[in-house]
PDB file of all heavy atoms in Angstrom:
ATOM      1  N   ALA A   1       4.746 -53.846 -46.925  1.00  0.00           N
ATOM      2  CA  ALA A   1       3.489 -54.534 -47.223  1.00  0.00           C
ATOM      3  C   ALA A   1       3.017 -54.281 -48.646  1.00  0.00           C
ATOM      4  O   ALA A   1       3.285 -53.238 -49.235  1.00  0.00           O
ATOM      5  CB  ALA A   1       2.405 -54.093 -46.248  1.00  0.00           C
ATOM      6  N   GLU A   2       2.278 -55.262 -49.185  1.00  0.00           N
ATOM      7  CA  GLU A   2       1.468 -55.032 -50.368  1.00  0.00           C
ATOM      8  C   GLU A   2       0.113 -54.559 -49.847  1.00  0.00           C
ATOM      9  O   GLU A   2      -0.532 -55.259 -49.067  1.00  0.00           O
ATOM     10  CB  GLU A   2       1.295 -56.308 -51.191  1.00  0.00           C
ATOM     11  CG  GLU A   2       0.417 -56.117 -52.420  1.00  0.00           C
ATOM     12  CD  GLU A   2       0.209 -57.400 -53.215  1.00  0.00           C
ATOM     13  OE1 GLU A   2       0.962 -58.378 -52.986  1.00  0.00           O
ATOM     14  OE2 GLU A   2      -0.723 -57.437 -54.048  1.00  0.00           O
ATOM     15  N   VAL A   3      -0.314 -53.368 -50.251  1.00  0.00           N
ATOM     16  CA  VAL A   3      -1.485 -52.729 -49.665  1.00  0.00           C
ATOM     17  C   VAL A   3      -2.560 -52.516 -50.723  1.00  0.00           C
ATOM     18  O   VAL A   3      -2.280 -52.014 -51.818  1.00  0.00           O
ATOM     19  CB  VAL A   3      -1.118 -51.367 -49.025  1.00  0.00           C
ATOM     20  CG1 VAL A   3      -2.353 -50.726 -48.384  1.00  0.00           C
ATOM     21  CG2 VAL A   3      -0.011 -51.541 -47.990  1.00  0.00           C
ATOM     22  N   SER A   4      -3.789 -52.894 -50.379  1.00  0.00           N
ATOM     23  CA  SER A   4      -4.935 -52.582 -51.234  1.00  0.00           C
ATOM     24  C   SER A   4      -5.948 -51.796 -50.414  1.00  0.00           C
ATOM     25  O   SER A   4      -5.980 -51.892 -49.185  1.00  0.00           O
ATOM     26  CB  SER A   4      -5.579 -53.850 -51.800  1.00  0.00           C
ATOM     27  OG  SER A   4      -6.180 -54.605 -50.768  1.00  0.00           O
ATOM     28  N   ALA A   5      -6.786 -51.015 -51.113  1.00  0.00           N
ATOM     29  CA  ALA A   5      -7.725 -50.163 -50.390  1.00  0.00           C
ATOM     30  C   ALA A   5      -9.007 -49.961 -51.173  1.00  0.00           C
ATOM     31  O   ALA A   5      -8.993 -49.807 -52.394  1.00  0.00           O
ATOM     32  CB  ALA A   5      -7.085 -48.807 -50.093  1.00  0.00           C
ATOM     33  N   ALA A   6     -10.117 -49.968 -50.430  1.00  0.00           N
ATOM     34  CA  ALA A   6     -11.420 -49.569 -50.957  1.00  0.00           C
ATOM     35  C   ALA A   6     -12.032 -48.611 -49.950  1.00  0.00           C
ATOM     36  O   ALA A   6     -11.599 -48.536 -48.790  1.00  0.00           O
ATOM     37  CB  ALA A   6     -12.319 -50.790 -51.159  1.00  0.00           C
ATOM     38  N   ALA A   7     -13.053 -47.872 -50.369  1.00  0.00           N
ATOM     39  CA  ALA A   7     -13.665 -46.869 -49.504  1.00  0.00           C
ATOM     40  C   ALA A   7     -14.628 -47.503 -48.523  1.00  0.00           C
ATOM     41  O   ALA A   7     -15.328 -48.465 -48.846  1.00  0.00           O
ATOM     42  CB  ALA A   7     -14.400 -45.832 -50.347  1.00  0.00           C
ATOM     43  N   SER A   8     -14.690 -46.945 -47.316  1.00  0.00           N
ATOM     44  CA  SER A   8     -15.669 -47.415 -46.339  1.00  0.00           C
ATOM     45  C   SER A   8     -16.941 -46.589 -46.370  1.00  0.00           C
ATOM     46  O   SER A   8     -17.888 -46.894 -45.645  1.00  0.00           O
ATOM     47  CB  SER A   8     -15.077 -47.389 -44.923  1.00  0.00           C
ATOM     48  OG  SER A   8     -14.736 -46.078 -44.549  1.00  0.00           O
ATOM     49  N   ASN A   9     -16.960 -45.552 -47.197  1.00  0.00           N
ATOM     50  CA  ASN A   9     -18.161 -44.733 -47.364  1.00  0.00           C
ATOM     51  C   ASN A   9     -18.103 -44.066 -48.736  1.00  0.00           C
ATOM     52  O   ASN A   9     -17.079 -43.480 -49.081  1.00  0.00           O
ATOM     53  CB  ASN A   9     -18.243 -43.672 -46.262  1.00  0.00           C
ATOM     54  CG  ASN A   9     -19.582 -42.961 -46.254  1.00  0.00           C
ATOM     55  OD1 ASN A   9     -19.893 -42.198 -47.156  1.00  0.00           O
ATOM     56  ND2 ASN A   9     -20.374 -43.203 -45.229  1.00  0.00           N
ATOM     57  N   PRO A  10     -19.180 -44.140 -49.517  1.00  0.00           N
ATOM     58  CA  PRO A  10     -19.149 -43.595 -50.881  1.00  0.00           C
ATOM     59  C   PRO A  10     -18.901 -42.095 -50.959  1.00  0.00           C
ATOM     60  O   PRO A  10     -18.404 -41.611 -51.987  1.00  0.00           O
ATOM     61  CB  PRO A  10     -20.541 -43.934 -51.424  1.00  0.00           C
ATOM     62  CG  PRO A  10     -21.011 -45.089 -50.614  1.00  0.00           C
ATOM     63  CD  PRO A  10     -20.440 -44.862 -49.245  1.00  0.00           C
ATOM     64  N   LEU A  11     -19.231 -41.347 -49.890  1.00  0.00           N
ATOM     65  CA  LEU A  11     -19.101 -39.891 -49.951  1.00  0.00           C
ATOM     66  C   LEU A  11     -17.896 -39.342 -49.199  1.00  0.00           C
ATOM     67  O   LEU A  11     -17.706 -38.134 -49.162  1.00  0.00           O
ATOM     68  CB  LEU A  11     -20.379 -39.232 -49.410  1.00  0.00           C
ATOM     69  CG  LEU A  11     -21.644 -39.389 -50.264  1.00  0.00           C
ATOM     70  CD1 LEU A  11     -22.802 -38.614 -49.658  1.00  0.00           C
ATOM     71  CD2 LEU A  11     -21.395 -38.914 -51.695  1.00  0.00           C
ATOM     72  N   SER A  12     -17.081 -40.201 -48.611  1.00  0.00           N
ATOM     73  CA  SER A  12     -15.907 -39.689 -47.885  1.00  0.00           C
ATOM     74  C   SER A  12     -14.630 -39.754 -48.712  1.00  0.00           C
ATOM     75  O   SER A  12     -13.584 -39.257 -48.288  1.00  0.00           O
ATOM     76  CB  SER A  12     -15.716 -40.479 -46.582  1.00  0.00           C
ATOM     77  OG  SER A  12     -15.452 -41.842 -46.845  1.00  0.00           O
ATOM     78  N   THR A  13     -14.705 -40.336 -49.900  1.00  0.00           N
ATOM     79  CA  THR A  13     -13.515 -40.473 -50.754  1.00  0.00           C
ATOM     80  C   THR A  13     -13.090 -39.134 -51.329  1.00  0.00           C
ATOM     81  O   THR A  13     -13.925 -38.350 -51.794  1.00  0.00           O
ATOM     82  CB  THR A  13     -13.810 -41.453 -51.902  1.00  0.00           C
ATOM     83  OG1 THR A  13     -14.087 -42.735 -51.354  1.00  0.00           O
ATOM     84  CG2 THR A  13     -12.631 -41.551 -52.862  1.00  0.00           C
ATOM     85  N   GLN A  14     -11.788 -38.867 -51.302  1.00  0.00           N
ATOM     86  CA  GLN A  14     -11.223 -37.690 -51.973  1.00  0.00           C
ATOM     87  C   GLN A  14     -10.486 -38.189 -53.210  1.00  0.00           C
ATOM     88  O   GLN A  14      -9.476 -38.886 -53.118  1.00  0.00           O
ATOM     89  CB  GLN A  14     -10.292 -36.933 -51.021  1.00  0.00           C
ATOM     90  CG  GLN A  14     -11.038 -36.356 -49.818  1.00  0.00           C
ATOM     91  CD  GLN A  14     -10.137 -35.638 -48.835  1.00  0.00           C
ATOM     92  OE1 GLN A  14      -8.909 -35.621 -48.966  1.00  0.00           O
ATOM     93  NE2 GLN A  14     -10.741 -35.037 -47.814  1.00  0.00           N
ATOM     94  N   ASP A  15     -11.004 -37.841 -54.386  1.00  0.00           N
ATOM     95  CA  ASP A  15     -10.506 -38.414 -55.632  1.00  0.00           C
ATOM     96  C   ASP A  15      -9.034 -38.093 -55.891  1.00  0.00           C
ATOM     97  O   ASP A  15      -8.309 -38.916 -56.456  1.00  0.00           O
ATOM     98  CB  ASP A  15     -11.364 -37.932 -56.806  1.00  0.00           C
ATOM     99  CG  ASP A  15     -12.746 -38.567 -56.814  1.00  0.00           C
ATOM    100  OD1 ASP A  15     -12.841 -39.780 -56.549  1.00  0.00           O
ATOM    101  OD2 ASP A  15     -13.731 -37.850 -57.069  1.00  0.00           O
ATOM    102  N   ASP A  16      -8.581 -36.908 -55.492  1.00  0.00           N
ATOM    103  CA  ASP A  16      -7.170 -36.575 -55.717  1.00  0.00           C
ATOM    104  C   ASP A  16      -6.253 -37.405 -54.821  1.00  0.00           C
ATOM    105  O   ASP A  16      -5.168 -37.829 -55.239  1.00  0.00           O
ATOM    106  CB  ASP A  16      -6.921 -35.077 -55.534  1.00  0.00           C
ATOM    107  CG  ASP A  16      -7.476 -34.526 -54.226  1.00  0.00           C
ATOM    108  OD1 ASP A  16      -8.070 -35.285 -53.434  1.00  0.00           O
ATOM    109  OD2 ASP A  16      -7.336 -33.309 -54.001  1.00  0.00           O
ATOM    110  N   VAL A  17      -6.706 -37.688 -53.596  1.00  0.00           N
ATOM    111  CA  VAL A  17      -5.917 -38.521 -52.685  1.00  0.00           C
ATOM    112  C   VAL A  17      -5.848 -39.954 -53.196  1.00  0.00           C
ATOM    113  O   VAL A  17      -4.785 -40.597 -53.154  1.00  0.00           O
ATOM    114  CB  VAL A  17      -6.505 -38.464 -51.263  1.00  0.00           C
ATOM    115  CG1 VAL A  17      -5.849 -39.497 -50.361  1.00  0.00           C
ATOM    116  CG2 VAL A  17      -6.340 -37.070 -50.680  1.00  0.00           C
ATOM    117  N   VAL A  18      -6.972 -40.461 -53.702  1.00  0.00           N
ATOM    118  CA  VAL A  18      -6.992 -41.811 -54.266  1.00  0.00           C
ATOM    119  C   VAL A  18      -6.029 -41.910 -55.448  1.00  0.00           C
ATOM    120  O   VAL A  18      -5.288 -42.896 -55.588  1.00  0.00           O
ATOM    121  CB  VAL A  18      -8.430 -42.193 -54.688  1.00  0.00           C
ATOM    122  CG1 VAL A  18      -8.431 -43.509 -55.462  1.00  0.00           C
ATOM    123  CG2 VAL A  18      -9.327 -42.311 -53.467  1.00  0.00           C
ATOM    124  N   ALA A  19      -6.018 -40.894 -56.302  1.00  0.00           N
ATOM    125  CA  ALA A  19      -5.096 -40.875 -57.442  1.00  0.00           C
ATOM    126  C   ALA A  19      -3.642 -40.893 -56.965  1.00  0.00           C
ATOM    127  O   ALA A  19      -2.797 -41.590 -57.541  1.00  0.00           O
ATOM    128  CB  ALA A  19      -5.361 -39.650 -58.312  1.00  0.00           C
ATOM    129  N   ALA A  20      -3.363 -40.153 -55.891  1.00  0.00           N
ATOM    130  CA  ALA A  20      -2.001 -40.130 -55.344  1.00  0.00           C
ATOM    131  C   ALA A  20      -1.603 -41.496 -54.798  1.00  0.00           C
ATOM    132  O   ALA A  20      -0.457 -41.935 -54.969  1.00  0.00           O
ATOM    133  CB  ALA A  20      -1.901 -39.065 -54.252  1.00  0.00           C
ATOM    134  N   LEU A  21      -2.532 -42.165 -54.154  1.00  0.00           N
ATOM    135  CA  LEU A  21      -2.242 -43.511 -53.651  1.00  0.00           C
ATOM    136  C   LEU A  21      -1.929 -44.464 -54.798  1.00  0.00           C
ATOM    137  O   LEU A  21      -0.985 -45.260 -54.726  1.00  0.00           O
ATOM    138  CB  LEU A  21      -3.427 -44.033 -52.836  1.00  0.00           C
ATOM    139  CG  LEU A  21      -3.620 -43.419 -51.454  1.00  0.00           C
ATOM    140  CD1 LEU A  21      -4.961 -43.840 -50.860  1.00  0.00           C
ATOM    141  CD2 LEU A  21      -2.471 -43.834 -50.526  1.00  0.00           C
ATOM    142  N   ALA A  22      -2.730 -44.381 -55.850  1.00  0.00           N
ATOM    143  CA  ALA A  22      -2.501 -45.244 -57.020  1.00  0.00           C
ATOM    144  C   ALA A  22      -1.124 -44.976 -57.620  1.00  0.00           C
ATOM    145  O   ALA A  22      -0.396 -45.914 -57.973  1.00  0.00           O
ATOM    146  CB  ALA A  22      -3.596 -45.020 -58.050  1.00  0.00           C
ATOM    147  N   LYS A  23      -0.785 -43.717 -57.723  1.00  0.00           N
ATOM    148  CA  LYS A  23       0.519 -43.340 -58.301  1.00  0.00           C
ATOM    149  C   LYS A  23       1.675 -43.862 -57.454  1.00  0.00           C
ATOM    150  O   LYS A  23       2.752 -44.178 -57.979  1.00  0.00           O
ATOM    151  CB  LYS A  23       0.606 -41.816 -58.420  1.00  0.00           C
ATOM    152  CG  LYS A  23       1.888 -41.323 -59.066  1.00  0.00           C
ATOM    153  CD  LYS A  23       1.935 -39.812 -59.136  1.00  0.00           C
ATOM    154  CE  LYS A  23       3.276 -39.313 -59.660  1.00  0.00           C
ATOM    155  NZ  LYS A  23       3.346 -37.832 -59.657  1.00  0.00           N
ATOM    156  N   ASN A  24       1.444 -43.991 -56.148  1.00  0.00           N
ATOM    157  CA  ASN A  24       2.505 -44.412 -55.231  1.00  0.00           C
ATOM    158  C   ASN A  24       2.438 -45.889 -54.865  1.00  0.00           C
ATOM    159  O   ASN A  24       3.003 -46.314 -53.859  1.00  0.00           O
ATOM    160  CB  ASN A  24       2.478 -43.540 -53.974  1.00  0.00           C
ATOM    161  CG  ASN A  24       3.038 -42.147 -54.214  1.00  0.00           C
ATOM    162  OD1 ASN A  24       4.248 -41.939 -54.140  1.00  0.00           O
ATOM    163  ND2 ASN A  24       2.164 -41.201 -54.522  1.00  0.00           N
ATOM    164  N   GLY A  25       1.722 -46.665 -55.669  1.00  0.00           N
ATOM    165  CA  GLY A  25       1.825 -48.118 -55.564  1.00  0.00           C
ATOM    166  C   GLY A  25       0.818 -48.816 -54.683  1.00  0.00           C
ATOM    167  O   GLY A  25       0.924 -50.031 -54.470  1.00  0.00           O
ATOM    168  N   VAL A  26      -0.174 -48.091 -54.161  1.00  0.00           N
ATOM    169  CA  VAL A  26      -1.240 -48.742 -53.411  1.00  0.00           C
ATOM    170  C   VAL A  26      -2.308 -49.199 -54.404  1.00  0.00           C
ATOM    171  O   VAL A  26      -2.712 -48.444 -55.293  1.00  0.00           O
ATOM    172  CB  VAL A  26      -1.865 -47.776 -52.372  1.00  0.00           C
ATOM    173  CG1 VAL A  26      -3.070 -48.420 -51.690  1.00  0.00           C
ATOM    174  CG2 VAL A  26      -0.819 -47.374 -51.334  1.00  0.00           C
ATOM    175  N   LYS A  27      -2.758 -50.411 -54.274  1.00  0.00           N
ATOM    176  CA  LYS A  27      -3.828 -50.916 -55.143  1.00  0.00           C
ATOM    177  C   LYS A  27      -5.153 -50.393 -54.588  1.00  0.00           C
ATOM    178  O   LYS A  27      -5.676 -50.918 -53.606  1.00  0.00           O
ATOM    179  CB  LYS A  27      -3.800 -52.445 -55.178  1.00  0.00           C
ATOM    180  CG  LYS A  27      -2.533 -52.985 -55.845  1.00  0.00           C
ATOM    181  CD  LYS A  27      -2.501 -54.500 -55.871  1.00  0.00           C
ATOM    182  CE  LYS A  27      -1.250 -54.988 -56.612  1.00  0.00           C
ATOM    183  NZ  LYS A  27      -1.150 -56.458 -56.627  1.00  0.00           N
ATOM    184  N   VAL A  28      -5.668 -49.354 -55.227  1.00  0.00           N
ATOM    185  CA  VAL A  28      -6.794 -48.633 -54.655  1.00  0.00           C
ATOM    186  C   VAL A  28      -7.955 -48.565 -55.635  1.00  0.00           C
ATOM    187  O   VAL A  28      -7.764 -48.328 -56.827  1.00  0.00           O
ATOM    188  CB  VAL A  28      -6.350 -47.218 -54.195  1.00  0.00           C
ATOM    189  CG1 VAL A  28      -5.804 -46.396 -55.348  1.00  0.00           C
ATOM    190  CG2 VAL A  28      -7.466 -46.485 -53.483  1.00  0.00           C
ATOM    191  N   TYR A  29      -9.158 -48.758 -55.097  1.00  0.00           N
ATOM    192  CA  TYR A  29     -10.360 -48.819 -55.932  1.00  0.00           C
ATOM    193  C   TYR A  29     -11.457 -48.006 -55.245  1.00  0.00           C
ATOM    194  O   TYR A  29     -12.136 -48.498 -54.327  1.00  0.00           O
ATOM    195  CB  TYR A  29     -10.803 -50.271 -56.108  1.00  0.00           C
ATOM    196  CG  TYR A  29      -9.662 -51.199 -56.497  1.00  0.00           C
ATOM    197  CD1 TYR A  29      -8.948 -51.889 -55.518  1.00  0.00           C
ATOM    198  CD2 TYR A  29      -9.282 -51.342 -57.830  1.00  0.00           C
ATOM    199  CE1 TYR A  29      -7.881 -52.719 -55.862  1.00  0.00           C
ATOM    200  CE2 TYR A  29      -8.225 -52.176 -58.181  1.00  0.00           C
ATOM    201  CZ  TYR A  29      -7.528 -52.849 -57.197  1.00  0.00           C
ATOM    202  OH  TYR A  29      -6.470 -53.665 -57.538  1.00  0.00           O
ATOM    203  N   ALA A  30     -11.631 -46.769 -55.663  1.00  0.00           N
ATOM    204  CA  ALA A  30     -12.625 -45.916 -55.017  1.00  0.00           C
ATOM    205  C   ALA A  30     -12.863 -44.655 -55.840  1.00  0.00           C
ATOM    206  O   ALA A  30     -11.921 -44.085 -56.400  1.00  0.00           O
ATOM    207  CB  ALA A  30     -12.168 -45.525 -53.609  1.00  0.00           C
ATOM    208  N   ILE A  31     -14.108 -44.219 -55.878  1.00  0.00           N
ATOM    209  CA  ILE A  31     -14.496 -42.983 -56.551  1.00  0.00           C
ATOM    210  C   ILE A  31     -15.546 -42.305 -55.687  1.00  0.00           C
ATOM    211  O   ILE A  31     -16.486 -42.951 -55.214  1.00  0.00           O
ATOM    212  CB  ILE A  31     -15.085 -43.268 -57.954  1.00  0.00           C
ATOM    213  CG1 ILE A  31     -14.036 -43.927 -58.848  1.00  0.00           C
ATOM    214  CG2 ILE A  31     -15.594 -41.996 -58.610  1.00  0.00           C
ATOM    215  CD1 ILE A  31     -14.609 -44.500 -60.122  1.00  0.00           C
ATOM    216  N   ARG A  32     -15.390 -41.028 -55.450  1.00  0.00           N
ATOM    217  CA  ARG A  32     -16.375 -40.309 -54.649  1.00  0.00           C
ATOM    218  C   ARG A  32     -17.754 -40.417 -55.298  1.00  0.00           C
ATOM    219  O   ARG A  32     -17.915 -40.179 -56.487  1.00  0.00           O
ATOM    220  CB  ARG A  32     -15.975 -38.844 -54.492  1.00  0.00           C
ATOM    221  CG  ARG A  32     -16.928 -38.063 -53.585  1.00  0.00           C
ATOM    222  CD  ARG A  32     -16.478 -36.635 -53.384  1.00  0.00           C
ATOM    223  NE  ARG A  32     -17.406 -35.902 -52.536  1.00  0.00           N
ATOM    224  CZ  ARG A  32     -17.405 -35.888 -51.210  1.00  0.00           C
ATOM    225  NH1 ARG A  32     -16.481 -36.590 -50.567  1.00  0.00           N
ATOM    226  NH2 ARG A  32     -18.285 -35.193 -50.523  1.00  0.00           N
TER     227      ARG A  32
END
C-alpha cells in the first residue's frame, strides 16, 4: 500500500516514531 498518516490527537503523537515512519516511506504529517 501507499500509506499516509495524520494524528488523531494532538498530544498522543510521539515525534521520534513519526520521524521513523517518514524515514521508512510513510507519508506522515504530525507533531506532538
